[in-house]
Every structure is written in structure tokens, then in C-alpha cells.
């Protein structure tokens, strides 16, 4: 699929982070052009950026994706009490299928915030990997090693 983004301010990753007023074209999952005017071509889709900024996606370098089910759960407690009295008992109820489903939910949350990849350090890495593959999301698995 060929996509052309035009009327954009493009944040380059060059030294100095230049901003280019112009266009960006993609072919499948690769950028094929960045500059003032994309080559004339038959694009599958053309997107007017309306003068807005186009930039690389964010990477979240510390995630425990399946913990989405604990969002706002006992957030008012001190860390040790929260972990040992609230989080660990709830996590003990999780199985691989739960980790898979909650990881998929996390990917949806990441995408709404502009995050395009994550580094996950949670239990059941095979299920996290399956969720990421099924969602088409980039995940680096950083194994969980604990001695609680």
C-alpha cells in the first residue's frame, strides 16, 4: 500500500532535529520519501496533514502491559502496601489467557497515546508475544526475574 502525507511539518531524526515543510510517502511498512514534494505516483491513500507535525512514534521503555486490569486499583496506598496487599494477590489469579487479553487492551491504550513500541517485563511472555503479534504491535520482551 502506498500512502502520501502532504502539507506536513515533518520532524526529522537528523542531528538538530530539523523540521521539513513538505511531504512523506510510504510503501507498505517503509518510508519511501521525505522532502518538499513526493514523486507523482498512484497512491492508495493521500492524507492532508493540515500543517500539523508528523513525527516518529513514541517508545515506552518500561511496561507491565497485563497490569491494565489494575488501573486505578488502590492507587491511594503506599507502594509496599499496594504491591503486597493488593497487587500480588490479584496477579496470583491471572492465567496466560488473562495476560493475553489484558496485553491486547494495553496495546490499544498505547496506540491512543502515540506509542508504537514497548519493552515489556511481565509474566507469561509467550502470551504477551502472541498478543503483540495478533495486534501487529512491536514489543521487546524483557523477561521478569523476581524473588519476592
C-alpha atoms as a PDB file:
ATOM      1  CA  UNK A   1       0.000   0.000   0.000  1.00  0.00           C
ATOM      2  CA  UNK A   2       1.298   3.447  -0.964  1.00  0.00           C
ATOM      3  CA  UNK A   3       0.380   6.423   1.232  1.00  0.00           C
ATOM      4  CA  UNK A   4       1.246  10.081   0.690  1.00  0.00           C
ATOM      5  CA  UNK A   5       1.161  12.557   3.592  1.00  0.00           C
ATOM      6  CA  UNK A   6       1.223  16.151   2.381  1.00  0.00           C
ATOM      7  CA  UNK A   7       1.008  19.672   3.831  1.00  0.00           C
ATOM      8  CA  UNK A   8       3.040  18.459   6.834  1.00  0.00           C
ATOM      9  CA  UNK A   9       5.734  19.654   9.151  1.00  0.00           C
ATOM     10  CA  UNK A  10       7.984  16.583   9.399  1.00  0.00           C
ATOM     11  CA  UNK A  11      10.275  16.156  12.384  1.00  0.00           C
ATOM     12  CA  UNK A  12      13.456  14.565  11.093  1.00  0.00           C
ATOM     13  CA  UNK A  13      15.681  12.464  13.275  1.00  0.00           C
ATOM     14  CA  UNK A  14      18.743  14.174  11.779  1.00  0.00           C
ATOM     15  CA  UNK A  15      21.239  15.850  14.074  1.00  0.00           C
ATOM     16  CA  UNK A  16      19.473  19.013  15.174  1.00  0.00           C
ATOM     17  CA  UNK A  17      16.012  17.524  14.581  1.00  0.00           C
ATOM     18  CA  UNK A  18      15.252  19.611  11.516  1.00  0.00           C
ATOM     19  CA  UNK A  19      11.624  20.282  10.669  1.00  0.00           C
ATOM     20  CA  UNK A  20      10.851  19.838   6.984  1.00  0.00           C
ATOM     21  CA  UNK A  21       7.836  21.555   5.434  1.00  0.00           C
ATOM     22  CA  UNK A  22       6.742  19.054   2.852  1.00  0.00           C
ATOM     23  CA  UNK A  23       5.615  15.531   2.192  1.00  0.00           C
ATOM     24  CA  UNK A  24       6.254  11.979   3.282  1.00  0.00           C
ATOM     25  CA  UNK A  25       5.423   8.842   1.308  1.00  0.00           C
ATOM     26  CA  UNK A  26       5.314   5.245   2.453  1.00  0.00           C
ATOM     27  CA  UNK A  27       5.324   1.942   0.653  1.00  0.00           C
ATOM     28  CA  UNK A  28       3.956  -0.884   2.793  1.00  0.00           C
ATOM     29  CA  UNK A  29       5.794  -0.569   6.121  1.00  0.00           C
ATOM     30  CA  UNK A  30       8.676   1.644   4.928  1.00  0.00           C
ATOM     31  CA  UNK A  31       9.148   5.350   4.353  1.00  0.00           C
ATOM     32  CA  UNK A  32       9.939   5.803   0.671  1.00  0.00           C
ATOM     33  CA  UNK A  33      10.270   9.608   0.508  1.00  0.00           C
ATOM     34  CA  UNK A  34      10.689  12.654   2.733  1.00  0.00           C
ATOM     35  CA  UNK A  35      11.066  16.092   1.176  1.00  0.00           C
ATOM     36  CA  UNK A  36       9.346  19.065  -0.407  1.00  0.00           C
ATOM     37  CA  UNK A  37       7.185  17.213  -2.977  1.00  0.00           C
ATOM     38  CA  UNK A  38       6.635  13.457  -3.179  1.00  0.00           C
ATOM     39  CA  UNK A  39       7.073  11.903  -6.621  1.00  0.00           C
ATOM     40  CA  UNK A  40       3.961  11.723  -8.754  1.00  0.00           C
ATOM     41  CA  UNK A  41       2.563   8.241  -8.316  1.00  0.00           C
ATOM     42  CA  UNK A  42      -0.711   6.416  -7.915  1.00  0.00           C
ATOM     43  CA  UNK A  43      -1.137   6.396  -4.145  1.00  0.00           C
ATOM     44  CA  UNK A  44      -3.676   4.178  -2.424  1.00  0.00           C
ATOM     45  CA  UNK A  45      -4.335   6.925   0.079  1.00  0.00           C
ATOM     46  CA  UNK A  46      -3.427  10.619   0.360  1.00  0.00           C
ATOM     47  CA  UNK A  47      -3.644  12.400   3.711  1.00  0.00           C
ATOM     48  CA  UNK A  48      -3.657  16.175   4.151  1.00  0.00           C
ATOM     49  CA  UNK A  49      -1.840  16.829   7.439  1.00  0.00           C
ATOM     50  CA  UNK A  50      -3.221  20.360   7.608  1.00  0.00           C
ATOM     51  CA  UNK A  51       0.171  21.814   8.511  1.00  0.00           C
ATOM     52  CA  UNK A  52       0.429  19.585  11.585  1.00  0.00           C
ATOM     53  CA  UNK A  53       3.533  17.825  12.830  1.00  0.00           C
ATOM     54  CA  UNK A  54       4.389  14.340  11.606  1.00  0.00           C
ATOM     55  CA  UNK A  55       6.922  12.601  13.829  1.00  0.00           C
ATOM     56  CA  UNK A  56       8.142   9.144  14.812  1.00  0.00           C
ATOM     57  CA  UNK A  57       6.036   7.248  17.324  1.00  0.00           C
ATOM     58  CA  UNK A  58       6.951   7.096  20.987  1.00  0.00           C
ATOM     59  CA  UNK A  59       8.510   4.016  22.595  1.00  0.00           C
ATOM     60  CA  UNK A  60       7.506   3.034  26.128  1.00  0.00           C
ATOM     61  CA  UNK A  61      10.649   1.530  27.644  1.00  0.00           C
ATOM     62  CA  UNK A  62       9.111   0.155  30.856  1.00  0.00           C
ATOM     63  CA  UNK A  63       5.788  -1.647  30.691  1.00  0.00           C
ATOM     64  CA  UNK A  64       3.907  -4.353  32.530  1.00  0.00           C
ATOM     65  CA  UNK A  65       1.180  -4.491  29.913  1.00  0.00           C
ATOM     66  CA  UNK A  66      -1.146  -7.003  31.513  1.00  0.00           C
ATOM     67  CA  UNK A  67      -1.436  -4.791  34.588  1.00  0.00           C
ATOM     68  CA  UNK A  68      -4.095  -2.781  32.742  1.00  0.00           C
ATOM     69  CA  UNK A  69      -6.645  -4.644  34.864  1.00  0.00           C
ATOM     70  CA  UNK A  70      -5.255  -2.889  37.951  1.00  0.00           C
ATOM     71  CA  UNK A  71      -5.722   0.631  36.565  1.00  0.00           C
ATOM     72  CA  UNK A  72      -6.722   2.929  39.448  1.00  0.00           C
ATOM     73  CA  UNK A  73      -6.886  -0.013  41.849  1.00  0.00           C
ATOM     74  CA  UNK A  74      -5.930   1.131  45.377  1.00  0.00           C
ATOM     75  CA  UNK A  75      -3.765   3.957  43.994  1.00  0.00           C
ATOM     76  CA  UNK A  76      -4.007   5.806  47.295  1.00  0.00           C
ATOM     77  CA  UNK A  77      -1.781   3.337  49.180  1.00  0.00           C
ATOM     78  CA  UNK A  78       1.956   3.456  49.839  1.00  0.00           C
ATOM     79  CA  UNK A  79       3.989   1.345  47.384  1.00  0.00           C
ATOM     80  CA  UNK A  80       4.750  -1.657  49.595  1.00  0.00           C
ATOM     81  CA  UNK A  81       1.189  -1.936  50.865  1.00  0.00           C
ATOM     82  CA  UNK A  82      -0.182  -1.521  47.347  1.00  0.00           C
ATOM     83  CA  UNK A  83       2.117  -4.234  45.949  1.00  0.00           C
ATOM     84  CA  UNK A  84       1.958  -6.843  48.690  1.00  0.00           C
ATOM     85  CA  UNK A  85      -1.598  -6.404  49.930  1.00  0.00           C
ATOM     86  CA  UNK A  86      -3.396  -5.508  46.710  1.00  0.00           C
ATOM     87  CA  UNK A  87      -1.437  -6.204  43.514  1.00  0.00           C
ATOM     88  CA  UNK A  88       0.225  -9.544  44.231  1.00  0.00           C
ATOM     89  CA  UNK A  89      -3.000 -11.246  45.405  1.00  0.00           C
ATOM     90  CA  UNK A  90      -4.787 -10.059  42.245  1.00  0.00           C
ATOM     91  CA  UNK A  91      -1.928 -11.112  39.968  1.00  0.00           C
ATOM     92  CA  UNK A  92      -1.983 -14.590  41.526  1.00  0.00           C
ATOM     93  CA  UNK A  93      -5.406 -15.045  39.895  1.00  0.00           C
ATOM     94  CA  UNK A  94      -4.090 -14.414  36.364  1.00  0.00           C
ATOM     95  CA  UNK A  95      -3.518 -17.141  33.819  1.00  0.00           C
ATOM     96  CA  UNK A  96      -1.962 -16.976  30.355  1.00  0.00           C
ATOM     97  CA  UNK A  97      -5.257 -16.179  28.644  1.00  0.00           C
ATOM     98  CA  UNK A  98      -5.869 -13.259  31.021  1.00  0.00           C
ATOM     99  CA  UNK A  99      -2.368 -11.894  30.374  1.00  0.00           C
ATOM    100  CA  UNK A 100      -3.033 -12.207  26.622  1.00  0.00           C
ATOM    101  CA  UNK A 101      -6.327 -10.274  26.819  1.00  0.00           C
ATOM    102  CA  UNK A 102      -5.019  -7.558  29.144  1.00  0.00           C
ATOM    103  CA  UNK A 103      -1.924  -7.117  26.977  1.00  0.00           C
ATOM    104  CA  UNK A 104      -4.151  -6.533  23.949  1.00  0.00           C
ATOM    105  CA  UNK A 105      -6.027  -3.896  25.913  1.00  0.00           C
ATOM    106  CA  UNK A 106      -2.697  -2.263  26.789  1.00  0.00           C
ATOM    107  CA  UNK A 107      -1.725  -2.101  23.105  1.00  0.00           C
ATOM    108  CA  UNK A 108      -4.932  -0.198  22.354  1.00  0.00           C
ATOM    109  CA  UNK A 109      -4.095   2.238  25.172  1.00  0.00           C
ATOM    110  CA  UNK A 110      -0.525   2.652  23.884  1.00  0.00           C
ATOM    111  CA  UNK A 111      -1.701   3.461  20.373  1.00  0.00           C
ATOM    112  CA  UNK A 112      -4.094   6.177  21.590  1.00  0.00           C
ATOM    113  CA  UNK A 113      -1.091   7.908  23.173  1.00  0.00           C
ATOM    114  CA  UNK A 114       1.170   7.682  20.123  1.00  0.00           C
ATOM    115  CA  UNK A 115       3.233   4.770  21.458  1.00  0.00           C
ATOM    116  CA  UNK A 116       4.307   2.474  18.627  1.00  0.00           C
ATOM    117  CA  UNK A 117       6.512   0.009  20.536  1.00  0.00           C
ATOM    118  CA  UNK A 118       7.041  -1.157  24.102  1.00  0.00           C
ATOM    119  CA  UNK A 119       9.529  -3.017  26.254  1.00  0.00           C
ATOM    120  CA  UNK A 120       7.539  -5.387  28.444  1.00  0.00           C
ATOM    121  CA  UNK A 121       8.667  -7.105  31.617  1.00  0.00           C
ATOM    122  CA  UNK A 122       5.763  -9.159  32.838  1.00  0.00           C
ATOM    123  CA  UNK A 123       4.868 -12.769  33.449  1.00  0.00           C
ATOM    124  CA  UNK A 124       3.712 -15.136  30.706  1.00  0.00           C
ATOM    125  CA  UNK A 125       5.960 -13.705  27.944  1.00  0.00           C
ATOM    126  CA  UNK A 126       4.642 -16.211  25.385  1.00  0.00           C
ATOM    127  CA  UNK A 127       1.149 -14.793  25.825  1.00  0.00           C
ATOM    128  CA  UNK A 128       2.420 -11.208  25.663  1.00  0.00           C
ATOM    129  CA  UNK A 129       4.238 -12.062  22.417  1.00  0.00           C
ATOM    130  CA  UNK A 130       1.079 -13.637  20.975  1.00  0.00           C
ATOM    131  CA  UNK A 131      -0.966 -10.562  21.880  1.00  0.00           C
ATOM    132  CA  UNK A 132       1.591  -8.263  20.259  1.00  0.00           C
ATOM    133  CA  UNK A 133       1.752 -10.344  17.081  1.00  0.00           C
ATOM    134  CA  UNK A 134      -2.040 -10.519  16.861  1.00  0.00           C
ATOM    135  CA  UNK A 135      -2.281  -6.735  17.301  1.00  0.00           C
ATOM    136  CA  UNK A 136       0.555  -6.007  14.841  1.00  0.00           C
ATOM    137  CA  UNK A 137       2.452  -4.188  17.600  1.00  0.00           C
ATOM    138  CA  UNK A 138       6.199  -4.097  18.268  1.00  0.00           C
ATOM    139  CA  UNK A 139       7.152  -5.462  21.686  1.00  0.00           C
ATOM    140  CA  UNK A 140      10.560  -6.238  23.145  1.00  0.00           C
ATOM    141  CA  UNK A 141      10.260  -8.883  25.862  1.00  0.00           C
ATOM    142  CA  UNK A 142      12.467  -8.129  28.854  1.00  0.00           C
ATOM    143  CA  UNK A 143      11.937 -11.234  30.996  1.00  0.00           C
ATOM    144  CA  UNK A 144      10.601 -10.999  34.516  1.00  0.00           C
ATOM    145  CA  UNK A 145      13.012 -12.212  37.199  1.00  0.00           C
ATOM    146  CA  UNK A 146      11.852 -11.709  40.759  1.00  0.00           C
ATOM    147  CA  UNK A 147      12.463 -13.159  44.190  1.00  0.00           C
ATOM    148  CA  UNK A 148       9.618 -11.882  46.320  1.00  0.00           C
END
